[in-house]
Amino acid sequence: MTRRVVVIGGGISGLAAAYRLAQSTQAVEVRLYEASERLGGVIATDLSHGVVLEGGPDSFLRRKPEALELAQELGLGGEIMGLNPHVKGSYIFHRGHFHDIPQGVRAGVPTRLD
């Protein structure tokens, strides 16, 4: 008997769920529905002003081994880029300009309230 599963949303969670279901040893028919024109949700890579910009909730954090393992399993391991060693720190790109991240913010989360 084939199970039918619908995955709503083609962001990283929906894509990972659909992939794992498709890899199942059981007979599963997977349908994925996404409202936007592209998959990936809010995760995106863009090139602007000669700089690679990563967007998303966590973008891609190499310290999360599950994400790295999945990328390698999908044959995307060679596409992963490390940080540019010539860039010191992180910045926010807003209205065409780079801005320093305010003091007291780590990984986009305030660590103190001033």
C-alpha atoms as a PDB file:
ATOM      1  CA  MET A   1       0.000   0.000   0.000  1.00  0.00           C
ATOM      2  CA  THR A   2       1.365   3.403  -0.999  1.00  0.00           C
ATOM      3  CA  ARG A   3       1.025   6.203   1.511  1.00  0.00           C
ATOM      4  CA  ARG A   4       0.333   9.666   0.134  1.00  0.00           C
ATOM      5  CA  VAL A   5       1.921  12.589   1.961  1.00  0.00           C
ATOM      6  CA  VAL A   6       1.536  16.287   1.210  1.00  0.00           C
ATOM      7  CA  VAL A   7       4.273  18.681   2.286  1.00  0.00           C
ATOM      8  CA  ILE A   8       3.204  22.315   2.478  1.00  0.00           C
ATOM      9  CA  GLY A   9       6.016  24.772   1.876  1.00  0.00           C
ATOM     10  CA  GLY A  10       9.217  24.482  -0.123  1.00  0.00           C
ATOM     11  CA  GLY A  11      11.503  26.096   2.422  1.00  0.00           C
ATOM     12  CA  ILE A  12      14.419  24.168   3.859  1.00  0.00           C
ATOM     13  CA  SER A  13      12.200  22.295   6.348  1.00  0.00           C
ATOM     14  CA  GLY A  14       9.651  21.283   3.713  1.00  0.00           C
ATOM     15  CA  LEU A  15      12.357  20.269   1.240  1.00  0.00           C
ATOM     16  CA  ALA A  16      14.196  18.223   3.869  1.00  0.00           C
ATOM     17  CA  ALA A  17      10.949  16.513   4.929  1.00  0.00           C
ATOM     18  CA  ALA A  18      10.013  15.687   1.331  1.00  0.00           C
ATOM     19  CA  TYR A  19      13.509  14.363   0.645  1.00  0.00           C
ATOM     20  CA  ARG A  20      13.545  12.129   3.713  1.00  0.00           C
ATOM     21  CA  LEU A  21      10.070  10.809   2.897  1.00  0.00           C
ATOM     22  CA  ALA A  22      11.171  10.040  -0.669  1.00  0.00           C
ATOM     23  CA  GLN A  23      14.197   8.146   0.727  1.00  0.00           C
ATOM     24  CA  SER A  24      11.938   6.014   2.926  1.00  0.00           C
ATOM     25  CA  THR A  25      11.965   2.251   2.501  1.00  0.00           C
ATOM     26  CA  GLN A  26       8.164   2.324   2.544  1.00  0.00           C
ATOM     27  CA  ALA A  27       6.101   3.106  -0.539  1.00  0.00           C
ATOM     28  CA  VAL A  28       5.393   6.839  -0.225  1.00  0.00           C
ATOM     29  CA  GLU A  29       4.013   9.273  -2.788  1.00  0.00           C
ATOM     30  CA  VAL A  30       5.176  12.763  -1.851  1.00  0.00           C
ATOM     31  CA  ARG A  31       3.651  15.979  -3.162  1.00  0.00           C
ATOM     32  CA  LEU A  32       5.225  19.309  -2.280  1.00  0.00           C
ATOM     33  CA  TYR A  33       3.308  22.573  -2.615  1.00  0.00           C
ATOM     34  CA  GLU A  34       5.007  25.981  -2.584  1.00  0.00           C
ATOM     35  CA  ALA A  35       3.235  29.317  -3.016  1.00  0.00           C
ATOM     36  CA  SER A  36       6.190  31.300  -4.373  1.00  0.00           C
ATOM     37  CA  GLU A  37       7.994  30.931  -7.701  1.00  0.00           C
ATOM     38  CA  ARG A  38      11.121  29.397  -6.195  1.00  0.00           C
ATOM     39  CA  LEU A  39      12.038  26.812  -3.618  1.00  0.00           C
ATOM     40  CA  GLY A  40      14.220  27.525  -0.600  1.00  0.00           C
ATOM     41  CA  GLY A  41      11.916  29.757   1.419  1.00  0.00           C
ATOM     42  CA  VAL A  42      13.688  32.753   2.886  1.00  0.00           C
ATOM     43  CA  ILE A  43      17.121  31.187   2.418  1.00  0.00           C
ATOM     44  CA  ALA A  44      18.806  32.862  -0.537  1.00  0.00           C
ATOM     45  CA  THR A  45      22.213  33.667  -1.933  1.00  0.00           C
ATOM     46  CA  ASP A  46      22.652  36.873  -3.881  1.00  0.00           C
ATOM     47  CA  LEU A  47      25.524  38.778  -5.449  1.00  0.00           C
ATOM     48  CA  SER A  48      25.428  42.535  -4.939  1.00  0.00           C
ATOM     49  CA  HIS A  49      28.212  45.098  -5.269  1.00  0.00           C
ATOM     50  CA  GLY A  50      30.657  42.226  -5.823  1.00  0.00           C
ATOM     51  CA  VAL A  51      29.797  40.658  -2.462  1.00  0.00           C
ATOM     52  CA  VAL A  52      28.053  37.335  -1.850  1.00  0.00           C
ATOM     53  CA  LEU A  53      25.102  37.950   0.455  1.00  0.00           C
ATOM     54  CA  GLU A  54      23.430  35.162   2.389  1.00  0.00           C
ATOM     55  CA  GLY A  55      19.872  35.658   3.534  1.00  0.00           C
ATOM     56  CA  GLY A  56      17.628  33.637   5.772  1.00  0.00           C
ATOM     57  CA  PRO A  57      16.930  32.711   9.345  1.00  0.00           C
ATOM     58  CA  ASP A  58      20.306  30.986   9.821  1.00  0.00           C
ATOM     59  CA  SER A  59      21.490  31.030   6.215  1.00  0.00           C
ATOM     60  CA  PHE A  60      23.776  28.022   6.263  1.00  0.00           C
ATOM     61  CA  LEU A  61      25.689  27.433   9.447  1.00  0.00           C
ATOM     62  CA  ARG A  62      28.497  24.945   8.949  1.00  0.00           C
ATOM     63  CA  ARG A  63      28.542  24.240  12.666  1.00  0.00           C
ATOM     64  CA  LYS A  64      25.205  22.432  12.254  1.00  0.00           C
ATOM     65  CA  PRO A  65      26.435  18.983  11.174  1.00  0.00           C
ATOM     66  CA  GLU A  66      23.017  17.796   9.970  1.00  0.00           C
ATOM     67  CA  ALA A  67      22.800  20.595   7.396  1.00  0.00           C
ATOM     68  CA  LEU A  68      26.310  19.900   6.130  1.00  0.00           C
ATOM     69  CA  GLU A  69      25.639  16.137   5.947  1.00  0.00           C
ATOM     70  CA  LEU A  70      22.419  16.719   3.986  1.00  0.00           C
ATOM     71  CA  ALA A  71      24.176  19.054   1.548  1.00  0.00           C
ATOM     72  CA  GLN A  72      26.895  16.448   0.983  1.00  0.00           C
ATOM     73  CA  GLU A  73      24.328  13.654   0.573  1.00  0.00           C
ATOM     74  CA  LEU A  74      22.578  15.732  -2.103  1.00  0.00           C
ATOM     75  CA  GLY A  75      25.854  16.265  -3.948  1.00  0.00           C
ATOM     76  CA  LEU A  76      26.070  19.943  -2.987  1.00  0.00           C
ATOM     77  CA  GLY A  77      29.134  19.697  -0.743  1.00  0.00           C
ATOM     78  CA  GLY A  78      31.347  21.302  -3.385  1.00  0.00           C
ATOM     79  CA  GLU A  79      28.998  24.302  -3.628  1.00  0.00           C
ATOM     80  CA  ILE A  80      29.475  25.361  -0.007  1.00  0.00           C
ATOM     81  CA  MET A  81      31.660  28.432   0.370  1.00  0.00           C
ATOM     82  CA  GLY A  82      33.490  29.395   3.517  1.00  0.00           C
ATOM     83  CA  LEU A  83      33.781  32.875   4.931  1.00  0.00           C
ATOM     84  CA  ASN A  84      35.951  35.394   3.139  1.00  0.00           C
ATOM     85  CA  PRO A  85      39.074  35.706   5.337  1.00  0.00           C
ATOM     86  CA  HIS A  86      39.576  39.324   4.167  1.00  0.00           C
ATOM     87  CA  VAL A  87      36.226  40.474   5.562  1.00  0.00           C
ATOM     88  CA  LYS A  88      36.363  41.320   9.243  1.00  0.00           C
ATOM     89  CA  GLY A  89      33.037  40.921  10.977  1.00  0.00           C
ATOM     90  CA  SER A  90      29.472  40.791   9.739  1.00  0.00           C
ATOM     91  CA  TYR A  91      27.336  43.527   8.281  1.00  0.00           C
ATOM     92  CA  ILE A  92      23.739  44.306   7.478  1.00  0.00           C
ATOM     93  CA  PHE A  93      23.050  45.281   3.870  1.00  0.00           C
ATOM     94  CA  HIS A  94      20.194  47.796   3.815  1.00  0.00           C
ATOM     95  CA  ARG A  95      19.137  50.225   1.082  1.00  0.00           C
ATOM     96  CA  GLY A  96      22.257  49.616  -0.979  1.00  0.00           C
ATOM     97  CA  HIS A  97      24.802  50.077   1.822  1.00  0.00           C
ATOM     98  CA  PHE A  98      26.620  47.918   4.359  1.00  0.00           C
ATOM     99  CA  HIS A  99      26.133  48.818   8.015  1.00  0.00           C
ATOM    100  CA  ASP A 100      27.967  47.508  11.075  1.00  0.00           C
ATOM    101  CA  ILE A 101      25.889  45.192  13.217  1.00  0.00           C
ATOM    102  CA  PRO A 102      25.006  47.030  16.441  1.00  0.00           C
ATOM    103  CA  GLN A 103      26.878  46.173  19.633  1.00  0.00           C
ATOM    104  CA  GLY A 104      25.112  43.549  21.709  1.00  0.00           C
ATOM    105  CA  VAL A 105      23.779  41.531  18.763  1.00  0.00           C
ATOM    106  CA  ARG A 106      25.026  37.992  18.146  1.00  0.00           C
ATOM    107  CA  ALA A 107      23.748  35.897  15.214  1.00  0.00           C
ATOM    108  CA  GLY A 108      20.962  38.426  14.747  1.00  0.00           C
ATOM    109  CA  VAL A 109      19.739  38.132  18.322  1.00  0.00           C
ATOM    110  CA  PRO A 110      20.118  40.932  20.890  1.00  0.00           C
ATOM    111  CA  THR A 111      22.295  39.797  23.802  1.00  0.00           C
ATOM    112  CA  ARG A 112      21.772  42.909  25.845  1.00  0.00           C
ATOM    113  CA  LEU A 113      19.331  45.782  26.013  1.00  0.00           C
ATOM    114  CA  ASP A 114      20.879  49.259  26.246  1.00  0.00           C
END
